[in-house]
Amino acid sequence: MMKDMHSILKSIRPESYFAQSADFIADGLLDSFDILMLVSTIEKTYGLCIPGTDIVPENFQNLQTIEALMSRSEAKV
């Protein structure tokens, strides 16, 4: 799933090097608009519903935090 997520991230910000970052937010790779686009893409691609309360920067710092968010969201579906 993380390989797919990397492709999704690259489709949102093709100029960014996500593999070299431990914190996408702090490194300026994702901004708030990018996060909303990412949430929308995740929901459509994986059939998940991510609660608004989970759309916080801490859940989008890196591939591991995004995957953890998706796992929690999957459990709620």
PDB file of N, CA and C in Angstrom:
ATOM      1  N   MET A   1       0.823  -1.199   0.000  1.00  0.00           N
ATOM      2  CA  MET A   1       0.000   0.000   0.000  1.00  0.00           C
ATOM      3  C   MET A   1       0.866   1.261   0.000  1.00  0.00           C
ATOM      4  N   MET A   2       2.042   1.194   0.644  1.00  0.00           N
ATOM      5  CA  MET A   2       2.888   2.383   0.703  1.00  0.00           C
ATOM      6  C   MET A   2       3.420   2.758  -0.673  1.00  0.00           C
ATOM      7  N   LYS A   3       3.674   1.764  -1.549  1.00  0.00           N
ATOM      8  CA  LYS A   3       4.123   2.079  -2.903  1.00  0.00           C
ATOM      9  C   LYS A   3       3.025   2.837  -3.639  1.00  0.00           C
ATOM     10  N   ASP A   4       1.776   2.398  -3.491  1.00  0.00           N
ATOM     11  CA  ASP A   4       0.647   3.104  -4.090  1.00  0.00           C
ATOM     12  C   ASP A   4       0.547   4.520  -3.534  1.00  0.00           C
ATOM     13  N   MET A   5       0.766   4.677  -2.242  1.00  0.00           N
ATOM     14  CA  MET A   5       0.677   5.988  -1.611  1.00  0.00           C
ATOM     15  C   MET A   5       1.754   6.912  -2.173  1.00  0.00           C
ATOM     16  N   HIS A   6       2.929   6.368  -2.404  1.00  0.00           N
ATOM     17  CA  HIS A   6       4.003   7.179  -2.983  1.00  0.00           C
ATOM     18  C   HIS A   6       3.571   7.703  -4.354  1.00  0.00           C
ATOM     19  N   SER A   7       2.915   6.870  -5.139  1.00  0.00           N
ATOM     20  CA  SER A   7       2.419   7.292  -6.454  1.00  0.00           C
ATOM     21  C   SER A   7       1.356   8.377  -6.324  1.00  0.00           C
ATOM     22  N   ILE A   8       0.486   8.242  -5.343  1.00  0.00           N
ATOM     23  CA  ILE A   8      -0.550   9.249  -5.109  1.00  0.00           C
ATOM     24  C   ILE A   8       0.094  10.576  -4.716  1.00  0.00           C
ATOM     25  N   LEU A   9       1.073  10.527  -3.822  1.00  0.00           N
ATOM     26  CA  LEU A   9       1.764  11.741  -3.404  1.00  0.00           C
ATOM     27  C   LEU A   9       2.452  12.412  -4.588  1.00  0.00           C
ATOM     28  N   LYS A  10       3.085  11.619  -5.435  1.00  0.00           N
ATOM     29  CA  LYS A  10       3.778  12.174  -6.608  1.00  0.00           C
ATOM     30  C   LYS A  10       2.782  12.788  -7.594  1.00  0.00           C
ATOM     31  N   SER A  11       1.560  12.249  -7.656  1.00  0.00           N
ATOM     32  CA  SER A  11       0.566  12.828  -8.552  1.00  0.00           C
ATOM     33  C   SER A  11       0.099  14.192  -8.043  1.00  0.00           C
ATOM     34  N   ILE A  12       0.145  14.394  -6.729  1.00  0.00           N
ATOM     35  CA  ILE A  12      -0.259  15.666  -6.139  1.00  0.00           C
ATOM     36  C   ILE A  12       0.868  16.691  -6.226  1.00  0.00           C
ATOM     37  N   ARG A  13       2.082  16.253  -5.923  1.00  0.00           N
ATOM     38  CA  ARG A  13       3.259  17.143  -5.956  1.00  0.00           C
ATOM     39  C   ARG A  13       4.400  16.448  -6.701  1.00  0.00           C
ATOM     40  N   PRO A  14       4.354  16.405  -8.039  1.00  0.00           N
ATOM     41  CA  PRO A  14       5.357  15.664  -8.817  1.00  0.00           C
ATOM     42  C   PRO A  14       6.781  16.182  -8.648  1.00  0.00           C
ATOM     43  N   GLU A  15       6.927  17.418  -8.236  1.00  0.00           N
ATOM     44  CA  GLU A  15       8.264  17.996  -8.089  1.00  0.00           C
ATOM     45  C   GLU A  15       8.922  17.646  -6.753  1.00  0.00           C
ATOM     46  N   SER A  16       8.200  17.014  -5.865  1.00  0.00           N
ATOM     47  CA  SER A  16       8.697  16.729  -4.517  1.00  0.00           C
ATOM     48  C   SER A  16       9.316  15.341  -4.405  1.00  0.00           C
ATOM     49  N   TYR A  17      10.273  15.227  -3.498  1.00  0.00           N
ATOM     50  CA  TYR A  17      10.969  13.962  -3.245  1.00  0.00           C
ATOM     51  C   TYR A  17      10.553  13.429  -1.878  1.00  0.00           C
ATOM     52  N   PHE A  18       9.431  12.760  -1.846  1.00  0.00           N
ATOM     53  CA  PHE A  18       8.864  12.278  -0.585  1.00  0.00           C
ATOM     54  C   PHE A  18       9.724  11.203   0.074  1.00  0.00           C
ATOM     55  N   ALA A  19      10.393  10.394  -0.718  1.00  0.00           N
ATOM     56  CA  ALA A  19      11.195   9.292  -0.172  1.00  0.00           C
ATOM     57  C   ALA A  19      12.352   9.808   0.685  1.00  0.00           C
ATOM     58  N   GLN A  20      12.754  11.045   0.480  1.00  0.00           N
ATOM     59  CA  GLN A  20      13.891  11.601   1.204  1.00  0.00           C
ATOM     60  C   GLN A  20      13.467  12.416   2.428  1.00  0.00           C
ATOM     61  N   SER A  21      12.196  12.383   2.765  1.00  0.00           N
ATOM     62  CA  SER A  21      11.690  13.217   3.849  1.00  0.00           C
ATOM     63  C   SER A  21      11.097  12.375   4.971  1.00  0.00           C
ATOM     64  N   ALA A  22      11.377  12.793   6.199  1.00  0.00           N
ATOM     65  CA  ALA A  22      10.778  12.153   7.373  1.00  0.00           C
ATOM     66  C   ALA A  22       9.552  12.930   7.849  1.00  0.00           C
ATOM     67  N   ASP A  23       9.398  14.173   7.366  1.00  0.00           N
ATOM     68  CA  ASP A  23       8.269  15.009   7.771  1.00  0.00           C
ATOM     69  C   ASP A  23       7.851  15.875   6.584  1.00  0.00           C
ATOM     70  N   PHE A  24       6.842  15.410   5.870  1.00  0.00           N
ATOM     71  CA  PHE A  24       6.385  16.087   4.660  1.00  0.00           C
ATOM     72  C   PHE A  24       5.933  17.520   4.933  1.00  0.00           C
ATOM     73  N   ILE A  25       5.334  17.748   6.091  1.00  0.00           N
ATOM     74  CA  ILE A  25       4.812  19.068   6.431  1.00  0.00           C
ATOM     75  C   ILE A  25       5.965  20.027   6.735  1.00  0.00           C
ATOM     76  N   ALA A  26       6.832  19.633   7.647  1.00  0.00           N
ATOM     77  CA  ALA A  26       7.959  20.483   8.051  1.00  0.00           C
ATOM     78  C   ALA A  26       8.897  20.768   6.881  1.00  0.00           C
ATOM     79  N   ASP A  27       9.039  19.808   5.986  1.00  0.00           N
ATOM     80  CA  ASP A  27       9.928  19.984   4.833  1.00  0.00           C
ATOM     81  C   ASP A  27       9.264  20.749   3.688  1.00  0.00           C
ATOM     82  N   GLY A  28       8.003  21.136   3.868  1.00  0.00           N
ATOM     83  CA  GLY A  28       7.310  21.931   2.869  1.00  0.00           C
ATOM     84  C   GLY A  28       6.852  21.152   1.646  1.00  0.00           C
ATOM     85  N   LEU A  29       6.765  19.830   1.761  1.00  0.00           N
ATOM     86  CA  LEU A  29       6.338  19.015   0.630  1.00  0.00           C
ATOM     87  C   LEU A  29       4.825  18.983   0.486  1.00  0.00           C
ATOM     88  N   LEU A  30       4.110  19.134   1.601  1.00  0.00           N
ATOM     89  CA  LEU A  30       2.647  19.170   1.583  1.00  0.00           C
ATOM     90  C   LEU A  30       2.169  20.399   2.340  1.00  0.00           C
ATOM     91  N   ASP A  31       1.176  21.069   1.778  1.00  0.00           N
ATOM     92  CA  ASP A  31       0.517  22.156   2.499  1.00  0.00           C
ATOM     93  C   ASP A  31      -0.932  21.744   2.766  1.00  0.00           C
ATOM     94  N   SER A  32      -1.711  22.629   3.341  1.00  0.00           N
ATOM     95  CA  SER A  32      -3.075  22.266   3.729  1.00  0.00           C
ATOM     96  C   SER A  32      -3.934  21.886   2.522  1.00  0.00           C
ATOM     97  N   PHE A  33      -3.765  22.558   1.405  1.00  0.00           N
ATOM     98  CA  PHE A  33      -4.519  22.222   0.203  1.00  0.00           C
ATOM     99  C   PHE A  33      -4.128  20.832  -0.302  1.00  0.00           C
ATOM    100  N   ASP A  34      -2.828  20.528  -0.277  1.00  0.00           N
ATOM    101  CA  ASP A  34      -2.351  19.209  -0.695  1.00  0.00           C
ATOM    102  C   ASP A  34      -2.937  18.110   0.185  1.00  0.00           C
ATOM    103  N   ILE A  35      -3.030  18.379   1.482  1.00  0.00           N
ATOM    104  CA  ILE A  35      -3.589  17.392   2.407  1.00  0.00           C
ATOM    105  C   ILE A  35      -5.046  17.107   2.062  1.00  0.00           C
ATOM    106  N   LEU A  36      -5.810  18.150   1.754  1.00  0.00           N
ATOM    107  CA  LEU A  36      -7.213  17.946   1.374  1.00  0.00           C
ATOM    108  C   LEU A  36      -7.318  17.140   0.075  1.00  0.00           C
ATOM    109  N   MET A  37      -6.439  17.415  -0.883  1.00  0.00           N
ATOM    110  CA  MET A  37      -6.423  16.642  -2.124  1.00  0.00           C
ATOM    111  C   MET A  37      -6.056  15.186  -1.841  1.00  0.00           C
ATOM    112  N   LEU A  38      -5.099  14.992  -0.949  1.00  0.00           N
ATOM    113  CA  LEU A  38      -4.672  13.650  -0.583  1.00  0.00           C
ATOM    114  C   LEU A  38      -5.800  12.883   0.094  1.00  0.00           C
ATOM    115  N   VAL A  39      -6.495  13.526   1.020  1.00  0.00           N
ATOM    116  CA  VAL A  39      -7.627  12.890   1.706  1.00  0.00           C
ATOM    117  C   VAL A  39      -8.687  12.475   0.689  1.00  0.00           C
ATOM    118  N   SER A  40      -9.025  13.363  -0.214  1.00  0.00           N
ATOM    119  CA  SER A  40     -10.026  13.067  -1.234  1.00  0.00           C
ATOM    120  C   SER A  40      -9.596  11.872  -2.093  1.00  0.00           C
ATOM    121  N   THR A  41      -8.338  11.856  -2.496  1.00  0.00           N
ATOM    122  CA  THR A  41      -7.826  10.762  -3.325  1.00  0.00           C
ATOM    123  C   THR A  41      -7.824   9.448  -2.565  1.00  0.00           C
ATOM    124  N   ILE A  42      -7.409   9.469  -1.305  1.00  0.00           N
ATOM    125  CA  ILE A  42      -7.400   8.259  -0.476  1.00  0.00           C
ATOM    126  C   ILE A  42      -8.822   7.725  -0.334  1.00  0.00           C
ATOM    127  N   GLU A  43      -9.769   8.620  -0.038  1.00  0.00           N
ATOM    128  CA  GLU A  43     -11.154   8.185   0.147  1.00  0.00           C
ATOM    129  C   GLU A  43     -11.707   7.546  -1.120  1.00  0.00           C
ATOM    130  N   LYS A  44     -11.441   8.159  -2.270  1.00  0.00           N
ATOM    131  CA  LYS A  44     -11.933   7.613  -3.541  1.00  0.00           C
ATOM    132  C   LYS A  44     -11.229   6.321  -3.924  1.00  0.00           C
ATOM    133  N   THR A  45      -9.910   6.290  -3.758  1.00  0.00           N
ATOM    134  CA  THR A  45      -9.112   5.138  -4.192  1.00  0.00           C
ATOM    135  C   THR A  45      -9.348   3.920  -3.321  1.00  0.00           C
ATOM    136  N   TYR A  46      -9.433   4.118  -2.007  1.00  0.00           N
ATOM    137  CA  TYR A  46      -9.507   3.001  -1.072  1.00  0.00           C
ATOM    138  C   TYR A  46     -10.880   2.810  -0.445  1.00  0.00           C
ATOM    139  N   GLY A  47     -11.839   3.665  -0.785  1.00  0.00           N
ATOM    140  CA  GLY A  47     -13.178   3.526  -0.235  1.00  0.00           C
ATOM    141  C   GLY A  47     -13.252   3.791   1.250  1.00  0.00           C
ATOM    142  N   LEU A  48     -12.385   4.659   1.741  1.00  0.00           N
ATOM    143  CA  LEU A  48     -12.361   4.985   3.160  1.00  0.00           C
ATOM    144  C   LEU A  48     -13.088   6.300   3.411  1.00  0.00           C
ATOM    145  N   CYS A  49     -13.428   6.524   4.660  1.00  0.00           N
ATOM    146  CA  CYS A  49     -13.996   7.794   5.080  1.00  0.00           C
ATOM    147  C   CYS A  49     -13.126   8.311   6.229  1.00  0.00           C
ATOM    148  N   ILE A  50     -12.356   9.337   5.951  1.00  0.00           N
ATOM    149  CA  ILE A  50     -11.460   9.893   6.967  1.00  0.00           C
ATOM    150  C   ILE A  50     -12.200  11.017   7.685  1.00  0.00           C
ATOM    151  N   PRO A  51     -12.420  10.867   8.989  1.00  0.00           N
ATOM    152  CA  PRO A  51     -13.133  11.895   9.743  1.00  0.00           C
ATOM    153  C   PRO A  51     -12.382  13.224   9.734  1.00  0.00           C
ATOM    154  N   GLY A  52     -13.124  14.310   9.722  1.00  0.00           N
ATOM    155  CA  GLY A  52     -12.514  15.638   9.744  1.00  0.00           C
ATOM    156  C   GLY A  52     -11.584  15.849  10.917  1.00  0.00           C
ATOM    157  N   THR A  53     -11.902  15.231  12.046  1.00  0.00           N
ATOM    158  CA  THR A  53     -11.053  15.390  13.232  1.00  0.00           C
ATOM    159  C   THR A  53      -9.683  14.742  13.055  1.00  0.00           C
ATOM    160  N   ASP A  54      -9.550  13.846  12.062  1.00  0.00           N
ATOM    161  CA  ASP A  54      -8.264  13.198  11.790  1.00  0.00           C
ATOM    162  C   ASP A  54      -7.445  13.920  10.723  1.00  0.00           C
ATOM    163  N   ILE A  55      -8.003  14.975  10.149  1.00  0.00           N
ATOM    164  CA  ILE A  55      -7.284  15.716   9.115  1.00  0.00           C
ATOM    165  C   ILE A  55      -6.453  16.805   9.794  1.00  0.00           C
ATOM    166  N   VAL A  56      -5.371  16.348  10.391  1.00  0.00           N
ATOM    167  CA  VAL A  56      -4.425  17.224  11.095  1.00  0.00           C
ATOM    168  C   VAL A  56      -3.015  16.904  10.591  1.00  0.00           C
ATOM    169  N   PRO A  57      -2.120  17.882  10.632  1.00  0.00           N
ATOM    170  CA  PRO A  57      -0.775  17.678  10.090  1.00  0.00           C
ATOM    171  C   PRO A  57      -0.047  16.441  10.621  1.00  0.00           C
ATOM    172  N   GLU A  58      -0.264  16.117  11.878  1.00  0.00           N
ATOM    173  CA  GLU A  58       0.435  14.977  12.477  1.00  0.00           C
ATOM    174  C   GLU A  58       0.142  13.669  11.745  1.00  0.00           C
ATOM    175  N   ASN A  59      -1.013  13.566  11.104  1.00  0.00           N
ATOM    176  CA  ASN A  59      -1.384  12.336  10.398  1.00  0.00           C
ATOM    177  C   ASN A  59      -0.858  12.285   8.967  1.00  0.00           C
ATOM    178  N   PHE A  60      -0.135  13.328   8.547  1.00  0.00           N
ATOM    179  CA  PHE A  60       0.363  13.398   7.172  1.00  0.00           C
ATOM    180  C   PHE A  60       1.859  13.723   7.122  1.00  0.00           C
ATOM    181  N   GLN A  61       2.563  13.393   8.198  1.00  0.00           N
ATOM    182  CA  GLN A  61       3.990  13.701   8.270  1.00  0.00           C
ATOM    183  C   GLN A  61       4.844  12.828   7.350  1.00  0.00           C
ATOM    184  N   ASN A  62       4.462  11.574   7.193  1.00  0.00           N
ATOM    185  CA  ASN A  62       5.252  10.653   6.371  1.00  0.00           C
ATOM    186  C   ASN A  62       4.379   9.468   5.973  1.00  0.00           C
ATOM    187  N   LEU A  63       4.957   8.547   5.221  1.00  0.00           N
ATOM    188  CA  LEU A  63       4.175   7.402   4.748  1.00  0.00           C
ATOM    189  C   LEU A  63       3.620   6.562   5.899  1.00  0.00           C
ATOM    190  N   GLN A  64       4.366   6.438   6.978  1.00  0.00           N
ATOM    191  CA  GLN A  64       3.913   5.629   8.109  1.00  0.00           C
ATOM    192  C   GLN A  64       2.713   6.249   8.809  1.00  0.00           C
ATOM    193  N   THR A  65       2.728   7.573   8.995  1.00  0.00           N
ATOM    194  CA  THR A  65       1.592   8.205   9.674  1.00  0.00           C
ATOM    195  C   THR A  65       0.353   8.194   8.781  1.00  0.00           C
ATOM    196  N   ILE A  66       0.555   8.316   7.462  1.00  0.00           N
ATOM    197  CA  ILE A  66      -0.577   8.240   6.535  1.00  0.00           C
ATOM    198  C   ILE A  66      -1.161   6.831   6.528  1.00  0.00           C
ATOM    199  N   GLU A  67      -0.287   5.845   6.507  1.00  0.00           N
ATOM    200  CA  GLU A  67      -0.767   4.459   6.523  1.00  0.00           C
ATOM    201  C   GLU A  67      -1.504   4.146   7.830  1.00  0.00           C
ATOM    202  N   ALA A  68      -1.009   4.649   8.961  1.00  0.00           N
ATOM    203  CA  ALA A  68      -1.683   4.437  10.249  1.00  0.00           C
ATOM    204  C   ALA A  68      -3.070   5.083  10.233  1.00  0.00           C
ATOM    205  N   LEU A  69      -3.169   6.287   9.660  1.00  0.00           N
ATOM    206  CA  LEU A  69      -4.458   6.964   9.539  1.00  0.00           C
ATOM    207  C   LEU A  69      -5.415   6.124   8.703  1.00  0.00           C
ATOM    208  N   MET A  70      -4.920   5.595   7.603  1.00  0.00           N
ATOM    209  CA  MET A  70      -5.762   4.773   6.734  1.00  0.00           C
ATOM    210  C   MET A  70      -6.223   3.510   7.455  1.00  0.00           C
ATOM    211  N   SER A  71      -5.362   2.909   8.233  1.00  0.00           N
ATOM    212  CA  SER A  71      -5.737   1.710   8.990  1.00  0.00           C
ATOM    213  C   SER A  71      -6.827   2.023  10.003  1.00  0.00           C
ATOM    214  N   ARG A  72      -6.690   3.153  10.699  1.00  0.00           N
ATOM    215  CA  ARG A  72      -7.723   3.551  11.667  1.00  0.00           C
ATOM    216  C   ARG A  72      -9.031   3.849  10.955  1.00  0.00           C
ATOM    217  N   SER A  73      -8.967   4.504   9.813  1.00  0.00           N
ATOM    218  CA  SER A  73     -10.170   4.856   9.061  1.00  0.00           C
ATOM    219  C   SER A  73     -10.853   3.629   8.505  1.00  0.00           C
ATOM    220  N   GLU A  74     -10.056   2.653   8.101  1.00  0.00           N
ATOM    221  CA  GLU A  74     -10.596   1.401   7.576  1.00  0.00           C
ATOM    222  C   GLU A  74     -11.389   0.651   8.647  1.00  0.00           C
ATOM    223  N   ALA A  75     -10.894   0.723   9.867  1.00  0.00           N
ATOM    224  CA  ALA A  75     -11.554   0.039  10.981  1.00  0.00           C
ATOM    225  C   ALA A  75     -12.912   0.679  11.289  1.00  0.00           C
ATOM    226  N   LYS A  76     -13.077   1.952  10.949  1.00  0.00           N
ATOM    227  CA  LYS A  76     -14.319   2.665  11.233  1.00  0.00           C
ATOM    228  C   LYS A  76     -15.377   2.482  10.147  1.00  0.00           C
ATOM    229  N   VAL A  77     -14.956   2.016   8.976  1.00  0.00           N
ATOM    230  CA  VAL A  77     -15.892   1.868   7.853  1.00  0.00           C
ATOM    231  C   VAL A  77     -16.860   0.749   8.097  1.00  0.00           C
TER     232      VAL A  77
END
